[in-house]
Amino acid sequence: MSKEETTLGAIHVSPNAVATIAYHATLRSYGVVGLASKNLASGLAQTITRDPNRGISVRYNDDKIDIAIFIIVQHGTRIASVATSVANTVQFNVEKALGVRVNSIDVHVAGLRVGDEN
């Protein structure tokens, strides 16, 4: 957990809170139609529990944050542009909300959606 000491006490930010911020920022990015699970087992568990942080992995590294995002991209969009846009959007939103530097964001394109249906 990220921890900050103030004169009034301590502030703790859980990885789930960071993942939620990253999740919403990712879904607002152009070309992203959804998030994918890292593997089959976690995908099944997240589907059953309807985990809102599906496709997001957060690790703390001292006072920095490392984030891995697994996205599904709309066919016809430039994959490199979408991945760069997701990384920039997530970094901006997390740093703005928490005031903590994001060390790295790894965007993994796990799938491609063809067609107009969602």
Protein backbone atom coordinates (compact mmCIF):
# COMPACT_ATOMS: atom_id res chain seq x y z
CA MET A 1 0.00 0.00 0.00
CA SER A 2 1.06 3.54 -0.66
CA LYS A 3 1.46 5.41 2.60
CA GLU A 4 1.86 9.08 3.37
CA GLU A 5 2.35 10.64 6.79
CA THR A 6 0.67 13.95 7.61
CA THR A 7 0.36 16.01 10.77
CA LEU A 8 -3.11 14.56 11.28
CA GLY A 9 -2.14 10.91 10.70
CA ALA A 10 -1.37 8.50 7.89
CA ILE A 11 -2.98 8.04 4.49
CA HIS A 12 -2.99 4.56 2.97
CA VAL A 13 -3.95 3.92 -0.67
CA SER A 14 -4.64 0.29 -1.58
CA PRO A 15 -3.68 -1.24 -4.92
CA ASN A 16 -7.41 -1.79 -5.59
CA ALA A 17 -8.03 1.96 -5.39
CA VAL A 18 -5.25 2.63 -7.89
CA ALA A 19 -6.58 -0.16 -10.13
CA THR A 20 -10.05 1.39 -10.08
CA ILE A 21 -8.68 4.77 -11.20
CA ALA A 22 -6.67 3.08 -13.95
CA TYR A 23 -9.67 0.97 -15.00
CA HIS A 24 -11.94 3.98 -15.57
CA ALA A 25 -9.19 5.94 -17.33
CA THR A 26 -8.50 2.98 -19.64
CA LEU A 27 -12.13 2.52 -20.63
CA ARG A 28 -12.35 6.22 -21.57
CA SER A 29 -9.39 5.88 -23.96
CA TYR A 30 -10.00 5.90 -27.71
CA GLY A 31 -9.88 2.49 -29.36
CA VAL A 32 -10.29 0.45 -26.16
CA VAL A 33 -13.40 -1.73 -26.16
CA GLY A 34 -12.67 -3.63 -22.96
CA LEU A 35 -10.14 -5.13 -20.61
CA ALA A 36 -8.92 -8.72 -20.59
CA SER A 37 -7.66 -10.96 -17.83
CA LYS A 38 -4.01 -11.83 -17.37
CA ASN A 39 -4.74 -15.55 -17.51
CA LEU A 40 -7.63 -18.01 -17.64
CA ALA A 41 -7.84 -18.70 -13.89
CA SER A 42 -7.97 -15.06 -12.87
CA GLY A 43 -10.34 -14.35 -15.76
CA LEU A 44 -12.80 -16.96 -14.53
CA ALA A 45 -12.61 -15.70 -10.95
CA GLN A 46 -13.07 -12.08 -12.02
CA THR A 47 -16.03 -12.99 -14.24
CA ILE A 48 -17.77 -14.80 -11.40
CA THR A 49 -17.14 -12.02 -8.86
CA ARG A 50 -17.54 -9.20 -11.42
CA ASP A 51 -14.30 -7.60 -10.27
CA PRO A 52 -14.17 -3.95 -11.46
CA ASN A 53 -10.37 -4.10 -11.60
CA ARG A 54 -10.31 -6.80 -14.26
CA GLY A 55 -7.29 -6.47 -16.53
CA ILE A 56 -5.34 -4.17 -14.21
CA SER A 57 -2.39 -5.18 -12.05
CA VAL A 58 -0.84 -2.72 -9.57
CA ARG A 59 2.45 -3.11 -7.68
CA TYR A 60 4.12 -0.64 -5.36
CA ASN A 61 7.85 -0.04 -5.70
CA ASP A 62 8.88 2.09 -2.71
CA ASP A 63 7.12 5.41 -3.38
CA LYS A 64 6.41 4.64 -7.06
CA ILE A 65 3.66 2.65 -8.73
CA ASP A 66 3.99 0.00 -11.47
CA ILE A 67 0.82 -0.74 -13.45
CA ALA A 68 0.12 -3.47 -16.02
CA ILE A 69 -3.00 -3.15 -18.19
CA PHE A 70 -4.46 -5.84 -20.46
CA ILE A 71 -6.73 -4.30 -23.10
CA ILE A 72 -8.91 -5.34 -26.02
CA VAL A 73 -8.60 -2.99 -29.00
CA GLN A 74 -11.16 -2.16 -31.69
CA HIS A 75 -10.21 -3.47 -35.13
CA GLY A 76 -9.14 -0.70 -37.48
CA THR A 77 -7.41 1.46 -34.88
CA ARG A 78 -3.64 1.90 -34.68
CA ILE A 79 -2.58 -0.42 -31.89
CA ALA A 80 0.57 1.53 -31.02
CA SER A 81 -1.41 4.79 -30.81
CA VAL A 82 -4.09 3.22 -28.62
CA ALA A 83 -1.48 1.71 -26.26
CA THR A 84 0.37 5.03 -25.98
CA SER A 85 -2.88 6.88 -25.36
CA VAL A 86 -3.88 4.41 -22.63
CA ALA A 87 -0.50 4.72 -20.91
CA ASN A 88 -0.61 8.53 -20.98
CA THR A 89 -4.23 8.74 -19.81
CA VAL A 90 -3.72 6.29 -16.94
CA GLN A 91 -0.50 7.99 -15.83
CA PHE A 92 -2.15 11.42 -15.82
CA ASN A 93 -5.25 10.26 -13.92
CA VAL A 94 -3.38 8.25 -11.26
CA GLU A 95 -0.79 10.97 -10.62
CA LYS A 96 -3.49 13.66 -10.49
CA ALA A 97 -5.67 11.68 -8.08
CA LEU A 98 -2.93 10.42 -5.75
CA GLY A 99 -0.04 12.83 -6.11
CA VAL A 100 2.30 9.82 -6.37
CA ARG A 101 4.66 9.27 -9.30
CA VAL A 102 3.82 6.38 -11.64
CA ASN A 103 7.06 4.52 -12.33
CA SER A 104 5.91 2.37 -15.26
CA ILE A 105 2.81 1.45 -17.21
CA ASP A 106 2.89 -1.68 -19.34
CA VAL A 107 0.02 -1.94 -21.83
CA HIS A 108 -0.59 -5.46 -23.16
CA VAL A 109 -2.94 -5.85 -26.12
CA ALA A 110 -4.69 -9.12 -25.27
CA GLY A 111 -7.28 -9.09 -27.99
CA LEU A 112 -8.78 -7.45 -31.02
CA ARG A 113 -12.53 -6.95 -31.46
CA VAL A 114 -13.79 -7.13 -35.03
CA GLY A 115 -17.21 -5.71 -35.81
CA ASP A 116 -19.55 -3.13 -34.29
CA GLU A 117 -21.13 -5.28 -31.60
CA ASN A 118 -20.02 -4.84 -27.98
